[in-house]
């Protein structure tokens, strides 16, 4: 199971104008890049539990999460 860390900031990949176009909240967006530490996968979802399940299925060691409010 992944180790969850809460962080102060993560870039938004889904913008407010995206919500009206997806009333069911199914949208996921990803940014993948290679870093010196390995592969970084940044994801954003209208429904966080969907994204968490996907990242855990990919065997992520650490999942950084931002509290929204």
Protein backbone atom coordinates (compact mmCIF):
# COMPACT_ATOMS: atom_id res chain seq x y z
CA UNK A 1 0.00 0.00 0.00
CA UNK A 2 1.21 3.49 -0.82
CA UNK A 3 2.40 5.90 1.84
CA UNK A 4 0.22 9.04 1.71
CA UNK A 5 1.81 12.44 2.37
CA UNK A 6 -0.18 15.65 2.59
CA UNK A 7 1.48 18.63 0.90
CA UNK A 8 0.73 22.36 0.74
CA UNK A 9 0.55 22.65 -3.04
CA UNK A 10 0.18 20.56 -6.18
CA UNK A 11 -0.44 22.03 -9.64
CA UNK A 12 -4.05 21.99 -10.83
CA UNK A 13 -4.55 20.04 -14.03
CA UNK A 14 -8.33 20.42 -13.96
CA UNK A 15 -9.63 23.98 -14.11
CA UNK A 16 -13.00 25.37 -12.93
CA UNK A 17 -14.18 25.72 -16.53
CA UNK A 18 -13.79 21.93 -16.95
CA UNK A 19 -16.52 21.07 -14.46
CA UNK A 20 -19.61 22.10 -16.49
CA UNK A 21 -18.41 19.94 -19.39
CA UNK A 22 -18.26 16.83 -17.19
CA UNK A 23 -21.32 16.74 -14.92
CA UNK A 24 -20.64 13.07 -14.01
CA UNK A 25 -17.18 13.98 -12.68
CA UNK A 26 -15.28 11.36 -14.70
CA UNK A 27 -12.42 13.56 -15.89
CA UNK A 28 -8.85 12.58 -15.04
CA UNK A 29 -5.74 14.43 -16.21
CA UNK A 30 -2.12 13.36 -15.94
CA UNK A 31 1.33 14.79 -16.44
CA UNK A 32 4.18 12.30 -16.63
CA UNK A 33 7.84 13.28 -16.51
CA UNK A 34 11.22 11.72 -15.89
CA UNK A 35 13.21 13.12 -12.98
CA UNK A 36 16.54 12.25 -11.39
CA UNK A 37 14.62 10.19 -8.82
CA UNK A 38 12.58 8.28 -11.43
CA UNK A 39 9.18 8.80 -13.03
CA UNK A 40 6.82 11.40 -11.60
CA UNK A 41 3.12 11.06 -12.28
CA UNK A 42 0.99 14.06 -11.41
CA UNK A 43 -2.72 13.41 -11.54
CA UNK A 44 -5.83 15.46 -10.98
CA UNK A 45 -9.39 14.17 -10.82
CA UNK A 46 -12.83 15.48 -10.11
CA UNK A 47 -13.30 12.44 -7.89
CA UNK A 48 -10.09 11.86 -5.88
CA UNK A 49 -10.96 8.28 -4.91
CA UNK A 50 -10.78 7.27 -8.59
CA UNK A 51 -7.28 8.71 -8.91
CA UNK A 52 -6.13 7.14 -5.62
CA UNK A 53 -7.26 3.67 -6.75
CA UNK A 54 -5.43 4.06 -10.05
CA UNK A 55 -2.19 5.23 -8.41
CA UNK A 56 -2.31 2.38 -5.91
CA UNK A 57 -2.87 -0.10 -8.76
CA UNK A 58 0.33 1.26 -10.34
CA UNK A 59 2.19 0.34 -7.13
CA UNK A 60 3.10 3.91 -6.20
CA UNK A 61 5.43 4.00 -3.19
CA UNK A 62 4.36 7.50 -2.14
CA UNK A 63 1.24 9.44 -3.04
CA UNK A 64 1.32 13.16 -2.30
CA UNK A 65 -2.10 14.60 -1.71
CA UNK A 66 -3.37 18.12 -1.18
CA UNK A 67 -6.36 18.89 0.99
CA UNK A 68 -8.89 20.99 -0.89
CA UNK A 69 -11.24 23.35 0.79
